[in-house]
């Protein structure tokens, strides 16, 4: 994408943000960056030499929290910082929805992604944490939550069939390693039901595998994988591409060894036949030396989102974690989900444009 196109795209996304009357909160429930009430004219700008991240045209670019800060930097004449932040603002990223929202809000946020995907003939990305607030003990004690979860999942995909969009849903980041953590855990059955609801609506289901493929395989025995297109690897982390791809293959091998037919037809199957995987490259562009990777100061943007063909089980590189949104009050970060301009700039400035 050239510089003119990148600025035009950011302006279009800014209009979308300003038009929204109720900005989406972060997964933690923290408020989104406030929408400005007026837009000042942007002054003449110099060239900065900052290369924009390439847009490969495969995934829909959803409004994100980097857009308004980038616009503000332009108004202040901080063009180099603006161009670095544009590397985030103009990239396709997953929209996060889940149990911190009312069902009608879940439906509305997801609908906006589907409509954008349909209008641009791209794939919409949604990360769904419908069970974020259901630890094992609560799920056991409150079996009626199954119905609440079912209703939320139905709201998630209610608008998808009529939209005509292609959509990939990354299902329940962080859940799989916790399955079976207490006696009588019902969540694998709830998860299986949700997978069916989402697949029936026409979306490709990518079940988040967590940080360790061996652990994931051991927790998936109670989950019906017949409608799953694949797994999300490295969500929110800093796992290098090669390591993440090895983890994905290790997971598929472990599942095959346990009796799962990993080559069976999957309904909506975006890649080669059978189970595949996608890799979150939003923050894996540099080795992370920090033993606590929460808001790791040495992290960097990774590959731009794109479909991958001819690479076996690897279906795509995607941005699931939204870069610049804080992991929490660690390593100088803000509250979970708040957009941290300084950390976003560090992610962008430390990235390798040649590897994008």
Protein backbone atom coordinates (compact mmCIF):
# COMPACT_ATOMS: atom_id res chain seq x y z
CA UNK A 1 0.00 0.00 0.00
CA UNK A 2 1.49 3.42 -0.92
CA UNK A 3 1.55 6.37 1.45
CA UNK A 4 -1.41 8.17 -0.20
CA UNK A 5 -3.58 5.07 -0.04
CA UNK A 6 -2.61 4.45 3.59
CA UNK A 7 -3.60 7.99 4.60
CA UNK A 8 -6.87 7.72 2.67
CA UNK A 9 -7.66 4.42 4.34
CA UNK A 10 -6.94 5.82 7.79
CA UNK A 11 -9.21 8.77 7.07
CA UNK A 12 -12.01 6.43 6.05
CA UNK A 13 -11.60 4.38 9.22
CA UNK A 14 -11.55 7.59 11.29
CA UNK A 15 -14.93 8.56 9.83
CA UNK A 16 -16.23 5.15 10.90
CA UNK A 17 -14.98 5.66 14.43
CA UNK A 18 -16.41 9.14 14.76
CA UNK A 19 -19.78 7.93 13.45
CA UNK A 20 -20.07 5.31 16.18
CA UNK A 21 -22.19 6.54 19.06
CA UNK A 22 -20.98 3.87 21.50
CA UNK A 23 -17.31 2.90 21.17
CA UNK A 24 -16.58 -0.74 22.00
CA UNK A 25 -14.93 -1.31 25.39
CA UNK A 26 -11.78 -3.37 25.72
CA UNK A 27 -12.08 -7.02 26.70
CA UNK A 28 -11.52 -6.04 30.34
CA UNK A 29 -14.45 -3.63 30.24
CA UNK A 30 -12.17 -0.58 30.20
CA UNK A 31 -13.40 2.31 28.02
CA UNK A 32 -12.10 2.79 24.51
CA UNK A 33 -10.18 5.87 23.48
CA UNK A 34 -12.68 8.76 23.50
CA UNK A 35 -13.90 10.02 20.16
CA UNK A 36 -12.94 13.64 19.45
CA UNK A 37 -15.79 16.11 19.04
CA UNK A 38 -14.09 18.07 16.28
CA UNK A 39 -11.49 17.37 13.63
CA UNK A 40 -8.90 20.02 12.84
CA UNK A 41 -7.38 20.31 9.39
CA UNK A 42 -4.18 18.33 8.91
CA UNK A 43 -1.20 20.50 7.92
CA UNK A 44 1.18 19.89 5.04
CA UNK A 45 3.38 16.93 5.80
CA UNK A 46 6.98 15.96 5.06
CA UNK A 47 8.14 12.55 3.94
CA UNK A 48 9.53 10.53 6.85
CA UNK A 49 10.91 7.44 5.15
CA UNK A 50 8.76 5.16 7.36
CA UNK A 51 7.55 2.29 5.19
CA UNK A 52 3.90 1.36 5.72
CA UNK A 53 3.03 -2.26 6.46
CA UNK A 54 1.73 -3.95 3.29
CA UNK A 55 -1.98 -4.60 2.92
CA UNK A 56 -2.32 -7.95 1.16
CA UNK A 57 -6.04 -7.45 0.69
CA UNK A 58 -7.20 -10.67 2.33
CA UNK A 59 -8.76 -9.50 5.62
CA UNK A 60 -11.21 -6.68 6.36
CA UNK A 61 -9.69 -3.65 8.10
CA UNK A 62 -11.84 -2.93 11.13
CA UNK A 63 -11.80 0.35 13.07
CA UNK A 64 -9.20 0.15 15.84
CA UNK A 65 -7.89 2.23 18.72
CA UNK A 66 -4.76 3.37 16.85
CA UNK A 67 -6.70 5.48 14.35
CA UNK A 68 -7.54 8.50 16.51
CA UNK A 69 -4.08 8.73 18.18
CA UNK A 70 -2.49 8.59 14.71
CA UNK A 71 -4.78 11.40 13.56
CA UNK A 72 -3.86 13.44 16.64
CA UNK A 73 -0.16 13.00 15.90
CA UNK A 74 -0.77 14.33 12.39
CA UNK A 75 -2.53 17.40 13.78
CA UNK A 76 0.49 17.99 16.03
CA UNK A 77 2.86 17.70 13.07
CA UNK A 78 4.57 14.62 14.58
CA UNK A 79 4.76 12.93 11.23
CA UNK A 80 7.33 10.25 11.94
CA UNK A 81 5.35 9.01 14.95
CA UNK A 82 2.17 9.28 12.87
CA UNK A 83 3.64 7.11 10.13
CA UNK A 84 4.83 4.51 12.62
CA UNK A 85 1.40 4.37 14.25
CA UNK A 86 -0.20 4.03 10.81
CA UNK A 87 1.49 0.64 10.58
CA UNK A 88 -1.07 -0.44 13.18
CA UNK A 89 -4.03 1.78 12.30
CA UNK A 90 -4.23 0.56 8.69
CA UNK A 91 -3.88 -3.17 9.39
CA UNK A 92 -6.61 -5.83 9.57
CA UNK A 93 -7.13 -6.95 13.15
CA UNK A 94 -9.65 -9.15 14.93
CA UNK A 95 -12.60 -7.47 16.62
CA UNK A 96 -12.90 -8.79 20.20
CA UNK A 97 -16.36 -9.51 21.59
CA UNK A 98 -17.52 -11.57 24.53
CA UNK A 99 -19.07 -11.89 27.95
CA UNK A 100 -18.28 -8.31 29.00
CA UNK A 101 -20.93 -7.14 26.49
CA UNK A 102 -24.71 -7.48 26.40
CA UNK A 103 -25.93 -9.78 23.65
CA UNK A 104 -27.30 -6.97 21.48
CA UNK A 105 -23.90 -5.27 21.64
CA UNK A 106 -22.18 -8.53 20.70
CA UNK A 107 -24.51 -8.81 17.72
CA UNK A 108 -23.95 -5.20 16.65
CA UNK A 109 -20.15 -5.31 16.87
CA UNK A 110 -20.00 -8.57 14.94
CA UNK A 111 -22.47 -7.28 12.35
CA UNK A 112 -20.21 -4.28 11.68
CA UNK A 113 -17.32 -6.64 10.93
CA UNK A 114 -19.44 -8.78 8.60
CA UNK A 115 -20.77 -5.76 6.75
CA UNK A 116 -17.27 -4.36 6.27
CA UNK A 117 -16.04 -7.75 5.06
CA UNK A 118 -18.91 -8.08 2.59
CA UNK A 119 -18.50 -4.52 1.29
CA UNK A 120 -14.78 -4.96 0.68
CA UNK A 121 -14.89 -8.63 -0.42
CA UNK A 122 -12.49 -9.57 2.34
CA UNK A 123 -12.57 -11.92 5.33
CA UNK A 124 -13.87 -10.54 8.61
CA UNK A 125 -11.99 -11.52 11.79
CA UNK A 126 -13.68 -11.81 15.19
CA UNK A 127 -12.13 -13.07 18.43
CA UNK A 128 -14.89 -14.46 20.65
CA UNK A 129 -14.49 -14.81 24.41
CA UNK A 130 -18.03 -15.74 25.33
CA UNK A 131 -16.85 -17.76 28.34
CA UNK A 132 -14.23 -15.33 29.59
CA UNK A 133 -16.04 -14.92 32.92
CA UNK A 134 -16.83 -18.61 33.41
CA UNK A 135 -14.04 -20.25 35.45
CA UNK A 136 -14.46 -23.98 36.00
CA UNK A 137 -15.94 -23.76 39.50
CA UNK A 138 -18.55 -21.23 38.41
CA UNK A 139 -19.53 -23.30 35.38
CA UNK A 140 -20.06 -26.34 37.60
CA UNK A 141 -22.06 -24.37 40.19
CA UNK A 142 -24.24 -22.54 37.64
CA UNK A 143 -25.28 -24.97 34.88
CA UNK A 144 -27.83 -22.42 33.65
CA UNK A 145 -24.88 -20.50 32.19
CA UNK A 146 -25.00 -22.98 29.31
CA UNK A 147 -28.17 -21.30 28.06
CA UNK A 148 -26.69 -17.82 28.54
CA UNK A 149 -23.62 -18.85 26.58
CA UNK A 150 -25.72 -20.37 23.81
CA UNK A 151 -27.73 -17.15 23.47
CA UNK A 152 -24.55 -15.06 23.34
CA UNK A 153 -23.07 -17.31 20.66
CA UNK A 154 -26.25 -17.09 18.59
CA UNK A 155 -26.06 -13.29 18.86
CA UNK A 156 -22.45 -13.41 17.65
CA UNK A 157 -23.43 -14.92 14.29
CA UNK A 158 -27.02 -13.71 13.96
CA UNK A 159 -26.16 -11.22 11.21
CA UNK A 160 -23.65 -13.37 9.35
CA UNK A 161 -25.83 -15.42 6.97
CA UNK A 162 -27.73 -12.42 5.60
CA UNK A 163 -24.54 -10.34 5.25
CA UNK A 164 -23.04 -12.62 2.63
CA UNK A 165 -19.64 -12.13 4.26
CA UNK A 166 -16.78 -14.52 4.72
CA UNK A 167 -15.82 -14.63 8.39
CA UNK A 168 -13.30 -16.39 10.57
CA UNK A 169 -14.12 -16.62 14.28
CA UNK A 170 -11.24 -17.22 16.69
CA UNK A 171 -13.07 -19.06 19.45
CA UNK A 172 -12.35 -18.67 23.16
CA UNK A 173 -8.76 -17.39 23.46
CA UNK A 174 -7.29 -18.68 26.70
CA UNK A 175 -9.95 -21.31 27.45
CA UNK A 176 -8.55 -24.63 26.21
CA UNK A 177 -5.65 -24.92 28.71
CA UNK A 178 -8.17 -24.45 31.54
CA UNK A 179 -10.64 -27.12 30.41
CA UNK A 180 -10.99 -29.87 33.00
CA UNK A 181 -9.36 -27.81 35.74
CA UNK A 182 -12.02 -28.88 38.25
CA UNK A 183 -14.21 -31.94 38.67
CA UNK A 184 -17.28 -32.07 36.46
CA UNK A 185 -16.21 -29.23 34.16
CA UNK A 186 -19.06 -28.81 31.61
CA UNK A 187 -17.33 -26.25 29.41
CA UNK A 188 -16.03 -28.68 26.77
CA UNK A 189 -19.64 -29.57 25.97
CA UNK A 190 -20.63 -25.89 25.93
CA UNK A 191 -17.69 -25.16 23.63
CA UNK A 192 -18.67 -27.98 21.27
CA UNK A 193 -22.19 -26.56 21.05
CA UNK A 194 -20.84 -23.06 20.32
CA UNK A 195 -18.60 -24.40 17.57
CA UNK A 196 -21.64 -25.96 15.91
CA UNK A 197 -23.67 -22.73 16.14
CA UNK A 198 -20.87 -20.69 14.60
CA UNK A 199 -20.14 -23.20 11.84
CA UNK A 200 -23.85 -23.52 11.01
CA UNK A 201 -23.93 -19.76 10.40
CA UNK A 202 -21.21 -20.14 7.76
CA UNK A 203 -18.10 -18.98 9.61
CA UNK A 204 -14.77 -20.76 9.73
CA UNK A 205 -14.03 -21.74 13.33
CA UNK A 206 -10.46 -21.42 14.58
CA UNK A 207 -10.25 -22.70 18.14
CA UNK A 208 -7.57 -20.97 20.18
CA UNK A 209 -4.98 -23.56 21.23
CA UNK A 210 -3.19 -21.61 23.94
CA UNK A 211 0.58 -21.34 24.32
CA UNK A 212 1.51 -25.06 24.35
CA UNK A 213 0.39 -27.57 21.73
CA UNK A 214 1.00 -30.58 23.98
CA UNK A 215 -1.15 -29.09 26.72
CA UNK A 216 -3.86 -28.18 24.20
CA UNK A 217 -4.05 -31.69 22.76
CA UNK A 218 -4.55 -33.15 26.22
CA UNK A 219 -7.47 -30.82 26.95
CA UNK A 220 -9.36 -31.31 23.68
CA UNK A 221 -10.55 -34.87 24.26
CA UNK A 222 -14.01 -33.68 25.29
CA UNK A 223 -14.42 -31.15 22.48
CA UNK A 224 -16.16 -32.07 19.22
CA UNK A 225 -13.71 -30.95 16.54
CA UNK A 226 -15.76 -32.08 13.55
CA UNK A 227 -16.79 -28.50 12.65
CA UNK A 228 -13.48 -26.83 13.51
CA UNK A 229 -11.49 -25.50 10.54
CA UNK A 230 -8.31 -25.22 12.58
CA UNK A 231 -6.50 -23.71 15.53
CA UNK A 232 -5.12 -20.29 16.42
CA UNK A 233 -1.48 -20.48 17.52
CA UNK A 234 0.42 -17.88 19.54
CA UNK A 235 -2.56 -15.61 20.28
CA UNK A 236 -1.41 -12.47 22.04
CA UNK A 237 2.13 -13.79 22.43
CA UNK A 238 5.56 -13.32 20.90
CA UNK A 239 6.24 -16.79 19.47
CA UNK A 240 8.38 -16.50 16.31
CA UNK A 241 6.75 -17.68 13.08
CA UNK A 242 8.84 -20.84 12.80
CA UNK A 243 8.20 -21.85 16.40
CA UNK A 244 4.47 -21.15 16.07
CA UNK A 245 4.24 -23.17 12.89
CA UNK A 246 6.07 -26.07 14.57
CA UNK A 247 3.60 -25.85 17.47
CA UNK A 248 0.70 -26.02 15.05
CA UNK A 249 2.07 -29.12 13.37
CA UNK A 250 2.83 -30.69 16.75
CA UNK A 251 -0.77 -30.13 17.83
CA UNK A 252 -2.17 -31.74 14.66
CA UNK A 253 0.19 -34.71 15.10
CA UNK A 254 -0.84 -35.14 18.74
CA UNK A 255 -4.51 -35.05 17.78
CA UNK A 256 -3.96 -37.59 15.00
CA UNK A 257 -2.15 -39.85 17.46
CA UNK A 258 -5.16 -39.61 19.79
CA UNK A 259 -7.51 -40.81 17.05
CA UNK A 260 -8.77 -37.53 15.60
CA UNK A 261 -9.16 -37.62 11.81
CA UNK A 262 -7.25 -34.43 11.07
CA UNK A 263 -7.77 -34.83 7.31
CA UNK A 264 -11.58 -35.12 7.43
CA UNK A 265 -13.74 -32.61 5.53
CA UNK A 266 -14.55 -29.59 7.71
CA UNK A 267 -17.39 -27.76 5.98
CA UNK A 268 -16.04 -24.21 5.83
CA UNK A 269 -12.36 -25.01 5.33
CA UNK A 270 -10.31 -22.02 4.15
CA UNK A 271 -7.05 -23.85 3.50
CA UNK A 272 -6.05 -27.30 2.36
CA UNK A 273 -8.38 -30.16 3.38
CA UNK A 274 -8.48 -31.11 7.04
CA UNK A 275 -7.54 -29.27 10.22
CA UNK A 276 -5.23 -26.31 9.74
CA UNK A 277 -3.93 -23.45 11.83
CA UNK A 278 -3.36 -19.71 11.78
CA UNK A 279 -0.55 -17.80 13.49
CA UNK A 280 -0.96 -14.52 15.39
CA UNK A 281 1.85 -12.29 14.11
CA UNK A 282 0.68 -9.05 15.72
CA UNK A 283 3.61 -8.86 18.17
CA UNK A 284 6.08 -11.58 17.22
CA UNK A 285 8.41 -9.61 14.96
CA UNK A 286 11.38 -9.62 17.34
CA UNK A 287 12.81 -12.01 19.93
CA UNK A 288 11.47 -11.28 23.42
CA UNK A 289 14.13 -11.61 26.10
CA UNK A 290 11.99 -10.38 28.98
CA UNK A 291 11.12 -13.32 31.29
CA UNK A 292 7.74 -11.62 31.83
CA UNK A 293 6.34 -11.09 28.32
CA UNK A 294 3.47 -8.95 29.61
CA UNK A 295 3.83 -5.69 27.62
CA UNK A 296 7.28 -6.91 26.64
CA UNK A 297 9.38 -3.79 25.90
CA UNK A 298 11.43 -5.55 23.21
CA UNK A 299 8.44 -6.86 21.22
CA UNK A 300 7.74 -5.71 17.66
CA UNK A 301 5.11 -6.01 14.96
CA UNK A 302 5.31 -9.18 12.91
CA UNK A 303 4.16 -10.13 9.43
CA UNK A 304 1.20 -8.30 7.93
CA UNK A 305 -2.00 -10.39 7.82
CA UNK A 306 -2.26 -12.56 4.73
CA UNK A 307 -3.58 -15.87 3.47
CA UNK A 308 -0.93 -18.52 2.96
CA UNK A 309 -1.27 -21.01 0.12
CA UNK A 310 0.81 -24.03 -0.69
CA UNK A 311 2.10 -24.34 2.88
CA UNK A 312 0.27 -27.42 4.08
CA UNK A 313 -1.69 -26.90 7.28
CA UNK A 314 -0.75 -23.22 7.68
CA UNK A 315 -3.77 -21.21 6.51
CA UNK A 316 -2.81 -17.61 7.30
CA UNK A 317 -0.92 -15.06 9.33
CA UNK A 318 -3.38 -12.86 11.21
CA UNK A 319 -3.40 -10.14 13.85
CA UNK A 320 -5.58 -11.48 16.66
CA UNK A 321 -4.18 -9.44 19.55
CA UNK A 322 -4.62 -5.76 18.71
CA UNK A 323 -1.11 -4.28 18.95
CA UNK A 324 -0.88 -1.30 21.25
CA UNK A 325 -3.69 -2.48 23.54
CA UNK A 326 -2.13 -3.03 26.96
CA UNK A 327 -1.73 -6.44 28.60
CA UNK A 328 -2.27 -4.75 31.95
CA UNK A 329 -0.31 -2.81 34.55
CA UNK A 330 2.95 -4.63 33.92
CA UNK A 331 6.17 -3.26 32.45
CA UNK A 332 4.70 0.22 32.76
CA UNK A 333 1.47 -0.60 30.92
CA UNK A 334 -2.01 0.84 31.28
CA UNK A 335 -5.09 -1.13 32.34
CA UNK A 336 -5.89 -4.20 30.25
CA UNK A 337 -7.24 -3.27 26.83
CA UNK A 338 -6.42 0.44 26.98
CA UNK A 339 -4.49 1.72 24.00
CA UNK A 340 -0.96 2.73 24.97
CA UNK A 341 0.52 5.06 22.35
CA UNK A 342 4.07 4.78 23.66
CA UNK A 343 4.01 0.99 23.59
CA UNK A 344 2.33 0.97 20.19
CA UNK A 345 5.08 3.18 18.81
CA UNK A 346 7.72 0.90 20.34
CA UNK A 347 6.13 -2.12 18.65
CA UNK A 348 6.14 -0.35 15.31
CA UNK A 349 9.54 1.30 15.57
CA UNK A 350 11.21 -2.00 16.51
CA UNK A 351 9.71 -3.90 13.59
CA UNK A 352 11.48 -5.01 10.44
CA UNK A 353 9.71 -3.62 7.38
CA UNK A 354 11.52 -6.07 5.09
CA UNK A 355 9.90 -8.99 6.97
CA UNK A 356 6.39 -7.52 6.91
